[in-house]
Amino acid sequence: MGRRLGYSHGIKAPSPSAREQGGEDSEARTDDRFRRLVPRAAWDALPADVRRRFSKRLTGVASVTYRGEIVWTRLSGAGWLLAQLCRLIGAPLPLAASGPAPAAVAVSEDRQSGGQCWTRLYGRARGHPQVIHSAKSFSGATGLEEHIGGGFGMALTAYAEGDALIFASDHYFWRRGSVRLRLPGWLTPGQTVVTHQHLGSGRFAFDLKVTHPRLGELVNQHGLFRDG
């Protein structure tokens, strides 16, 4: 899990760019919320680009966007079925296997929860682009949770490995108001791992893998992005 990935020179890196759009202050403020999730020595060993991307607290109506492409999305049969069932809670997983497609990610501050809102826009060969919404909150037993809709979410652990910052699911839960239920393993898709890997020159790779303990790999998505 989370091993450093290799990349072929035949894959063309995406062009332009990440940009911040301002509220009352066009610069994002330094933020240590992600840094606190990782041992200090491991954080300091990450490339400066990675530390900078995860050290921004956006103010007011500011947002930051990253543009690139999804190089591939692979779904097993069980993975495809899971993605369709998840439409009921907002379609947080890619809905179809695909080849290269344009993509963009926007991040803004969630002023209500004190976390972050993440919006991912993925082009598709047919039909409208898929839009995936989630919200990250810096809370819970692991210090980081991702809420995906319908009250469902997952607690994440973060760690640094080489030139990558990796987020792995610790457990899944359902919450409504003050009621919070930890989902048993047999009701979950298995382990979700998201890798943000430095590629140099302001470029990074995004990898999403969902692996079930009995059904194997359900989802494997690989994207290339860059910032300014």
Protein backbone atom coordinates (compact mmCIF):
# COMPACT_ATOMS: atom_id res chain seq x y z
CA MET A 1 0.00 0.00 0.00
CA GLY A 2 1.19 3.47 -0.82
CA ARG A 3 4.37 2.37 -2.59
CA ARG A 4 6.08 4.90 -4.78
CA LEU A 5 4.70 4.74 -8.28
CA GLY A 6 6.63 4.66 -11.53
CA TYR A 7 5.61 6.75 -14.55
CA SER A 8 6.27 6.22 -18.21
CA HIS A 9 7.87 9.02 -20.23
CA GLY A 10 5.17 8.30 -22.78
CA ILE A 11 2.49 9.89 -20.59
CA LYS A 12 2.10 13.53 -21.42
CA ALA A 13 1.91 15.79 -18.41
CA PRO A 14 -1.17 17.99 -18.28
CA SER A 15 -0.94 21.65 -19.02
CA PRO A 16 -2.06 24.74 -17.11
CA SER A 17 -2.32 25.45 -14.04
CA ALA A 18 -3.50 25.99 -10.49
CA ARG A 19 -4.78 29.38 -9.55
CA GLU A 20 -6.17 30.98 -6.49
CA GLN A 21 -9.22 33.18 -6.73
CA GLY A 22 -9.50 35.77 -4.06
CA GLY A 23 -11.71 36.81 -1.28
CA GLU A 24 -10.58 39.80 0.69
CA ASP A 25 -7.04 38.41 0.62
CA SER A 26 -5.73 36.86 -2.60
CA GLU A 27 -3.05 34.88 -0.78
CA ALA A 28 -3.90 31.72 1.13
CA ARG A 29 -2.79 31.78 4.75
CA THR A 30 -0.37 29.22 6.13
CA ASP A 31 -2.22 26.35 7.78
CA ASP A 32 -0.84 23.49 9.87
CA ARG A 33 -3.93 21.24 10.00
CA PHE A 34 -2.52 18.60 7.62
CA ARG A 35 0.99 18.94 9.07
CA ARG A 36 -0.31 17.98 12.51
CA LEU A 37 -1.50 14.62 11.11
CA VAL A 38 2.03 13.50 10.19
CA PRO A 39 5.16 13.21 12.39
CA ARG A 40 7.19 16.39 12.03
CA ALA A 41 10.32 14.71 10.65
CA ALA A 42 8.30 12.87 7.99
CA TRP A 43 6.46 16.08 7.05
CA ASP A 44 9.70 18.04 6.74
CA ALA A 45 11.11 15.33 4.45
CA LEU A 46 8.29 15.81 1.93
CA PRO A 47 9.04 17.92 -1.17
CA ALA A 48 8.33 21.62 -0.67
CA ASP A 49 5.58 21.57 -3.34
CA VAL A 50 3.61 18.95 -1.41
CA ARG A 51 3.97 20.77 1.91
CA ARG A 52 2.89 24.03 0.29
CA ARG A 53 -0.27 22.54 -1.28
CA PHE A 54 -1.38 21.12 2.05
CA SER A 55 -0.52 24.25 4.05
CA LYS A 56 -3.14 26.61 2.65
CA ARG A 57 -6.12 27.93 4.57
CA LEU A 58 -8.26 29.87 2.14
CA THR A 59 -10.12 32.89 3.44
CA GLY A 60 -13.49 34.35 2.56
CA VAL A 61 -14.65 33.14 -0.83
CA ALA A 62 -11.16 32.20 -2.04
CA SER A 63 -10.54 28.86 -3.73
CA VAL A 64 -7.65 27.04 -5.34
CA THR A 65 -7.99 24.92 -8.47
CA TYR A 66 -5.81 22.24 -10.05
CA ARG A 67 -6.22 21.20 -13.67
CA GLY A 68 -5.07 18.09 -15.43
CA GLU A 69 -6.33 14.76 -16.68
CA ILE A 70 -7.50 11.42 -15.44
CA VAL A 71 -5.17 9.05 -17.28
CA TRP A 72 -7.20 5.97 -16.47
CA THR A 73 -10.08 4.72 -14.37
CA ARG A 74 -10.38 0.97 -13.88
CA LEU A 75 -13.37 -0.71 -12.26
CA SER A 76 -13.89 -4.38 -11.57
CA GLY A 77 -17.39 -5.76 -12.01
CA ALA A 78 -17.98 -5.42 -8.27
CA GLY A 79 -16.43 -1.95 -8.37
CA TRP A 80 -18.80 -0.83 -11.11
CA LEU A 81 -21.79 -2.13 -9.13
CA LEU A 82 -20.56 -0.35 -6.00
CA ALA A 83 -20.20 2.92 -7.90
CA GLN A 84 -23.78 2.66 -9.21
CA LEU A 85 -25.16 1.92 -5.73
CA CYS A 86 -23.28 4.92 -4.38
CA ARG A 87 -25.34 7.17 -6.67
CA LEU A 88 -27.86 7.05 -3.82
CA ILE A 89 -25.49 9.09 -1.64
CA GLY A 90 -24.11 11.45 -4.28
CA ALA A 91 -21.92 9.26 -6.51
CA PRO A 92 -18.58 9.64 -4.68
CA LEU A 93 -16.84 7.06 -6.91
CA PRO A 94 -16.11 7.20 -10.67
CA LEU A 95 -19.08 5.74 -12.49
CA ALA A 96 -17.33 4.12 -15.45
CA ALA A 97 -13.97 2.88 -16.61
CA SER A 98 -12.36 5.35 -18.99
CA GLY A 99 -9.22 6.45 -20.77
CA PRO A 100 -7.69 9.94 -20.75
CA ALA A 101 -10.19 12.65 -19.83
CA PRO A 102 -9.88 16.28 -18.69
CA ALA A 103 -10.24 16.91 -14.99
CA ALA A 104 -10.22 19.76 -12.48
CA VAL A 105 -10.23 19.92 -8.69
CA ALA A 106 -11.39 22.93 -6.65
CA VAL A 107 -10.74 23.36 -2.93
CA SER A 108 -12.35 25.97 -0.67
CA GLU A 109 -12.82 26.50 3.04
CA ASP A 110 -15.95 25.10 4.66
CA ARG A 111 -16.73 27.98 7.00
CA GLN A 112 -19.49 26.06 8.75
CA SER A 113 -17.40 23.06 9.82
CA GLY A 114 -13.95 24.63 9.81
CA GLY A 115 -12.82 22.04 7.26
CA GLN A 116 -12.49 22.05 3.49
CA CYS A 117 -14.85 21.49 0.54
CA TRP A 118 -13.44 19.47 -2.37
CA THR A 119 -15.12 19.42 -5.78
CA ARG A 120 -13.79 17.16 -8.54
CA LEU A 121 -14.89 17.53 -12.15
CA TYR A 122 -14.16 14.56 -14.41
CA GLY A 123 -14.84 14.60 -18.14
CA ARG A 124 -16.44 11.54 -19.72
CA ALA A 125 -16.48 10.10 -23.24
CA ARG A 126 -20.27 10.45 -23.35
CA GLY A 127 -22.65 12.65 -21.43
CA HIS A 128 -22.04 15.39 -18.95
CA PRO A 129 -18.90 15.46 -16.78
CA GLN A 130 -19.17 13.76 -13.42
CA VAL A 131 -18.98 16.08 -10.43
CA ILE A 132 -17.93 14.60 -7.07
CA HIS A 133 -18.39 16.59 -3.87
CA SER A 134 -16.89 15.82 -0.49
CA ALA A 135 -16.01 17.69 2.68
CA LYS A 136 -12.96 17.14 4.87
CA SER A 137 -13.16 17.85 8.59
CA PHE A 138 -10.22 17.86 10.96
CA SER A 139 -11.90 15.85 13.69
CA GLY A 140 -12.58 12.36 14.96
CA ALA A 141 -10.30 9.67 16.35
CA THR A 142 -7.76 9.95 13.51
CA GLY A 143 -7.91 13.75 13.20
CA LEU A 144 -9.27 13.70 9.63
CA GLU A 145 -12.64 12.64 8.21
CA GLU A 146 -14.07 12.78 4.71
CA HIS A 147 -17.85 13.17 4.41
CA ILE A 148 -19.29 11.97 1.11
CA GLY A 149 -23.05 12.41 1.41
CA GLY A 150 -26.09 10.81 2.97
CA GLY A 151 -24.43 10.95 6.37
CA PHE A 152 -21.70 8.52 5.28
CA GLY A 153 -18.00 9.17 5.68
CA MET A 154 -14.64 7.64 6.42
CA ALA A 155 -11.99 8.36 9.01
CA LEU A 156 -8.56 8.74 7.40
CA THR A 157 -5.02 8.28 8.61
CA ALA A 158 -2.29 10.31 6.92
CA TYR A 159 1.36 9.44 6.51
CA ALA A 160 4.33 10.46 4.38
CA GLU A 161 6.30 7.96 2.35
CA GLY A 162 9.17 9.15 0.18
CA ASP A 163 7.86 11.98 -1.99
CA ALA A 164 4.19 11.15 -1.41
CA LEU A 165 1.51 12.11 1.11
CA ILE A 166 -0.88 9.21 1.56
CA PHE A 167 -4.37 9.02 3.06
CA ALA A 168 -5.78 5.61 4.03
CA SER A 169 -9.21 4.76 5.38
CA ASP A 170 -9.24 3.65 9.01
CA HIS A 171 -12.98 2.96 9.24
CA TYR A 172 -16.31 4.06 7.75
CA PHE A 173 -19.24 5.58 9.60
CA TRP A 174 -22.76 6.95 9.30
CA ARG A 175 -23.78 10.04 11.21
CA ARG A 176 -27.06 11.86 11.60
CA GLY A 177 -27.18 14.66 14.13
CA SER A 178 -25.70 13.43 17.39
CA VAL A 179 -25.98 9.77 16.34
CA ARG A 180 -22.81 8.22 14.93
CA LEU A 181 -22.46 4.56 13.96
CA ARG A 182 -19.23 2.85 12.98
CA LEU A 183 -19.97 0.52 10.05
CA PRO A 184 -18.95 -3.14 10.40
CA GLY A 185 -16.33 -4.35 7.94
CA TRP A 186 -18.75 -6.50 5.95
CA LEU A 187 -20.79 -3.37 5.10
CA THR A 188 -17.83 -1.45 3.69
CA PRO A 189 -15.99 -1.54 0.34
CA GLY A 190 -12.67 -2.37 2.03
CA GLN A 191 -9.71 -0.04 2.23
CA THR A 192 -9.52 3.24 0.35
CA VAL A 193 -6.06 4.71 -0.30
CA VAL A 194 -5.43 8.11 -1.89
CA THR A 195 -1.86 9.02 -2.85
CA HIS A 196 -0.62 12.53 -3.67
CA GLN A 197 2.82 12.06 -5.23
CA HIS A 198 5.29 14.78 -6.17
CA LEU A 199 6.43 14.65 -9.81
CA GLY A 200 8.53 17.82 -9.91
CA SER A 201 8.09 21.20 -11.63
CA GLY A 202 4.76 21.84 -9.91
CA ARG A 203 3.27 18.54 -11.08
CA PHE A 204 1.72 15.80 -8.97
CA ALA A 205 -0.04 12.48 -9.41
CA PHE A 206 -3.34 11.57 -7.79
CA ASP A 207 -4.10 7.89 -7.27
CA LEU A 208 -7.27 6.39 -5.80
CA LYS A 209 -7.49 2.70 -4.97
CA VAL A 210 -10.32 0.84 -3.26
CA THR A 211 -9.49 -2.76 -2.34
CA HIS A 212 -11.89 -5.26 -0.81
CA PRO A 213 -10.40 -8.02 1.38
CA ARG A 214 -12.24 -10.76 -0.55
CA LEU A 215 -13.13 -9.22 -3.92
CA GLY A 216 -9.76 -7.60 -4.54
CA GLU A 217 -9.27 -4.28 -6.28
CA LEU A 218 -12.57 -2.52 -6.98
CA VAL A 219 -11.40 0.91 -8.17
CA ASN A 220 -8.07 2.13 -9.53
CA GLN A 221 -7.86 5.72 -10.76
CA HIS A 222 -4.72 7.58 -11.84
CA GLY A 223 -4.60 11.30 -12.61
CA LEU A 224 -1.94 13.89 -13.40
CA PHE A 225 -2.29 17.50 -12.28
CA ARG A 226 -0.20 20.60 -11.95
CA ASP A 227 -0.24 23.91 -10.19
CA GLY A 228 1.19 27.34 -11.02
